C-alpha atoms as a PDB file:
ATOM      1  CA  MET A   1       4.446   1.960  -2.746  1.00  0.00           C
ATOM      2  CA  VAL A   2       4.852  -1.820  -2.879  1.00  0.00           C
ATOM      3  CA  THR A   3       4.925  -2.042   0.915  1.00  0.00           C
ATOM      4  CA  GLU A   4       1.657  -0.108   1.040  1.00  0.00           C
ATOM      5  CA  ALA A   5       0.155  -2.456  -1.571  1.00  0.00           C
ATOM      6  CA  VAL A   6       1.263  -5.568   0.327  1.00  0.00           C
ATOM      7  CA  ALA A   7      -0.167  -4.142   3.559  1.00  0.00           C
ATOM      8  CA  ALA A   8      -3.509  -3.607   1.827  1.00  0.00           C
ATOM      9  CA  LEU A   9      -3.552  -7.060   0.208  1.00  0.00           C
ATOM     10  CA  GLN A  10      -1.739  -9.433   2.535  1.00  0.00           C
ATOM     11  CA  GLY A  11      -4.584 -10.740   4.688  1.00  0.00           C
ATOM     12  CA  ASP A  12      -3.540 -13.805   6.713  1.00  0.00           C
ATOM     13  CA  GLU A  13      -1.675 -15.579   3.921  1.00  0.00           C
ATOM     14  CA  GLY A  14       0.337 -12.776   2.324  1.00  0.00           C
ATOM     15  CA  ALA A  15       0.089 -10.984  -0.999  1.00  0.00           C
ATOM     16  CA  THR A  16       1.126 -12.421  -4.351  1.00  0.00           C
ATOM     17  CA  VAL A  17       3.341 -10.626  -6.853  1.00  0.00           C
ATOM     18  CA  ASN A  18       0.480 -10.646  -9.366  1.00  0.00           C
ATOM     19  CA  ALA A  19      -1.959  -9.114  -6.886  1.00  0.00           C
ATOM     20  CA  VAL A  20       0.550  -6.353  -6.069  1.00  0.00           C
ATOM     21  CA  ALA A  21       1.129  -5.725  -9.784  1.00  0.00           C
ATOM     22  CA  ASP A  22      -2.633  -5.416 -10.330  1.00  0.00           C
ATOM     23  CA  GLU A  23      -3.006  -3.117  -7.325  1.00  0.00           C
ATOM     24  CA  LEU A  24      -0.282  -0.799  -8.624  1.00  0.00           C
ATOM     25  CA  GLY A  25      -1.306  -1.014 -12.276  1.00  0.00           C
ATOM     26  CA  ILE A  26       2.113  -2.264 -13.413  1.00  0.00           C
ATOM     27  CA  ASP A  27       3.340  -5.466 -15.017  1.00  0.00           C
ATOM     28  CA  GLN A  28       4.415  -8.499 -13.004  1.00  0.00           C
ATOM     29  CA  SER A  29       8.086  -8.021 -13.909  1.00  0.00           C
ATOM     30  CA  GLY A  30       8.136  -4.444 -12.605  1.00  0.00           C
ATOM     31  CA  ALA A  31       6.303  -5.416  -9.427  1.00  0.00           C
ATOM     32  CA  SER A  32       8.753  -8.257  -8.862  1.00  0.00           C
ATOM     33  CA  ARG A  33      11.733  -5.887  -9.098  1.00  0.00           C
ATOM     34  CA  PHE A  34      10.159  -3.405  -6.673  1.00  0.00           C
ATOM     35  CA  LEU A  35       9.211  -6.189  -4.263  1.00  0.00           C
ATOM     36  CA  THR A  36      12.740  -7.612  -4.330  1.00  0.00           C
ATOM     37  CA  GLN A  37      14.083  -4.184  -3.352  1.00  0.00           C
ATOM     38  CA  ALA A  38      11.565  -3.910  -0.497  1.00  0.00           C
ATOM     39  CA  VAL A  39      12.566  -7.369   0.759  1.00  0.00           C
ATOM     40  CA  GLU A  40      16.271  -6.434   0.555  1.00  0.00           C
ATOM     41  CA  ARG A  41      15.569  -3.276   2.579  1.00  0.00           C
ATOM     42  CA  GLY A  42      13.714  -5.268   5.222  1.00  0.00           C
ATOM     43  CA  TYR A  43      10.226  -3.819   4.640  1.00  0.00           C
ATOM     44  CA  LEU A  44       8.763  -7.103   3.384  1.00  0.00           C
ATOM     45  CA  ARG A  45       9.483 -10.784   3.828  1.00  0.00           C
ATOM     46  CA  LYS A  46       8.732 -13.748   1.594  1.00  0.00           C
ATOM     47  CA  VAL A  47       6.996 -16.820   2.961  1.00  0.00           C
ATOM     48  CA  ALA A  48       5.849 -20.061   1.367  1.00  0.00           C
ATOM     49  CA  SER A  49       2.259 -20.083   0.195  1.00  0.00           C
ATOM     50  CA  PRO A  50       0.038 -22.188   2.445  1.00  0.00           C
ATOM     51  CA  THR A  51      -1.703 -23.613  -0.635  1.00  0.00           C
ATOM     52  CA  ASP A  52       1.202 -24.022  -3.108  1.00  0.00           C
ATOM     53  CA  ALA A  53       4.735 -24.667  -1.853  1.00  0.00           C
ATOM     54  CA  ARG A  54       6.182 -23.477  -5.180  1.00  0.00           C
ATOM     55  CA  GLN A  55       4.675 -20.025  -4.722  1.00  0.00           C
ATOM     56  CA  ARG A  56       5.918 -17.266  -2.423  1.00  0.00           C
ATOM     57  CA  ARG A  57       3.756 -14.733  -0.628  1.00  0.00           C
ATOM     58  CA  LEU A  58       4.775 -11.371   0.788  1.00  0.00           C
ATOM     59  CA  LEU A  59       4.154  -9.973   4.247  1.00  0.00           C
ATOM     60  CA  VAL A  60       5.008  -6.614   5.789  1.00  0.00           C
ATOM     61  CA  THR A  61       7.759  -6.806   8.430  1.00  0.00           C
ATOM     62  CA  ASN A  62       7.848  -4.785  11.650  1.00  0.00           C
ATOM     63  CA  LYS A  63      10.318  -2.434   9.948  1.00  0.00           C
ATOM     64  CA  GLY A  64       7.898  -2.063   7.017  1.00  0.00           C
ATOM     65  CA  ALA A  65       4.965  -1.370   9.344  1.00  0.00           C
ATOM     66  CA  LYS A  66       6.986   1.318  11.149  1.00  0.00           C
ATOM     67  CA  MET A  67       7.957   2.900   7.815  1.00  0.00           C
ATOM     68  CA  LEU A  68       4.305   2.933   6.699  1.00  0.00           C
ATOM     69  CA  ALA A  69       3.160   4.439   9.997  1.00  0.00           C
ATOM     70  CA  SER A  70       5.785   7.169   9.650  1.00  0.00           C
ATOM     71  CA  ALA A  71       4.763   7.839   6.040  1.00  0.00           C
ATOM     72  CA  HIS A  72       1.090   8.061   7.037  1.00  0.00           C
ATOM     73  CA  ARG A  73       1.888  10.509   9.842  1.00  0.00           C
ATOM     74  CA  TRP A  74       3.839  12.652   7.373  1.00  0.00           C
ATOM     75  CA  GLN A  75       0.961  12.560   4.848  1.00  0.00           C
ATOM     76  CA  GLU A  76      -1.513  13.574   7.549  1.00  0.00           C
ATOM     77  CA  SER A  77       0.719  16.431   8.708  1.00  0.00           C
ATOM     78  CA  VAL A  78       1.105  17.743   5.145  1.00  0.00           C
ATOM     79  CA  PHE A  79      -2.664  17.539   4.620  1.00  0.00           C
ATOM     80  CA  ALA A  80      -3.250  19.389   7.900  1.00  0.00           C
ATOM     81  CA  GLU A  81      -0.713  22.057   6.959  1.00  0.00           C
ATOM     82  CA  LEU A  82      -2.143  22.585   3.483  1.00  0.00           C
ATOM     83  CA  THR A  83      -5.703  22.838   4.774  1.00  0.00           C
ATOM     84  CA  ALA A  84      -4.943  24.763   7.976  1.00  0.00           C
ATOM     85  CA  ASP A  85      -6.844  27.851   6.841  1.00  0.00           C
ATOM     86  CA  TRP A  86      -9.819  25.883   5.488  1.00  0.00           C
ATOM     87  CA  SER A  87     -13.063  25.621   7.378  1.00  0.00           C
ATOM     88  CA  ALA A  88     -13.876  22.284   9.014  1.00  0.00           C
ATOM     89  CA  ASP A  89     -16.739  21.856   6.526  1.00  0.00           C
ATOM     90  CA  ASP A  90     -14.380  22.376   3.570  1.00  0.00           C
ATOM     91  CA  VAL A  91     -11.902  19.848   4.952  1.00  0.00           C
ATOM     92  CA  GLN A  92     -14.681  17.273   5.450  1.00  0.00           C
ATOM     93  CA  ARG A  93     -16.078  17.920   1.984  1.00  0.00           C
ATOM     94  CA  PHE A  94     -12.640  17.578   0.370  1.00  0.00           C
ATOM     95  CA  HIS A  95     -11.992  14.381   2.333  1.00  0.00           C
ATOM     96  CA  GLY A  96     -15.274  12.983   1.022  1.00  0.00           C
ATOM     97  CA  TYR A  97     -14.317  13.893  -2.539  1.00  0.00           C
ATOM     98  CA  LEU A  98     -10.975  12.142  -2.144  1.00  0.00           C
ATOM     99  CA  GLN A  99     -12.715   9.026  -0.838  1.00  0.00           C
ATOM    100  CA  ARG A 100     -15.088   9.044  -3.825  1.00  0.00           C
ATOM    101  CA  PHE A 101     -12.169   9.540  -6.204  1.00  0.00           C
ATOM    102  CA  LEU A 102     -10.246   6.597  -4.730  1.00  0.00           C
ATOM    103  CA  ALA A 103     -13.328   4.380  -4.754  1.00  0.00           C
ATOM    104  CA  ALA A 104     -13.939   5.199  -8.422  1.00  0.00           C
ATOM    105  CA  GLN A 105     -10.331   4.361  -9.207  1.00  0.00           C
ATOM    106  CA  GLN A 106     -10.671   0.987  -7.480  1.00  0.00           C
ATOM    107  CA  GLU A 107     -13.859   0.204  -9.408  1.00  0.00           C
ATOM    108  CA  ARG A 108     -12.050   0.725 -12.713  1.00  0.00           C
ATOM    109  CA  ARG A 109      -9.643  -2.133 -11.969  1.00  0.00           C
END
């Protein structure tokens, strides 16, 4: 989950621990522990901030990008399997509802 958050937030300069914590709705200490684990596993890497040498930013590694791509393929296959007997209109409608739900969740932050 932290690798997904970093991928969404990193831009050109990398994501901060605080931004990841906000994205996940957890405290900075918890996010820091999760991020350390992701770095140790090779999914993320820490780099110096371009604006503050005391601060570290996080970027997704090639290994992390491959893991995310694999996870997304799995999610898509599960969705396709669970909706296999739905009409195309129902699938599109449900997809739209999910998009609205996620957008509403983002607005609450």
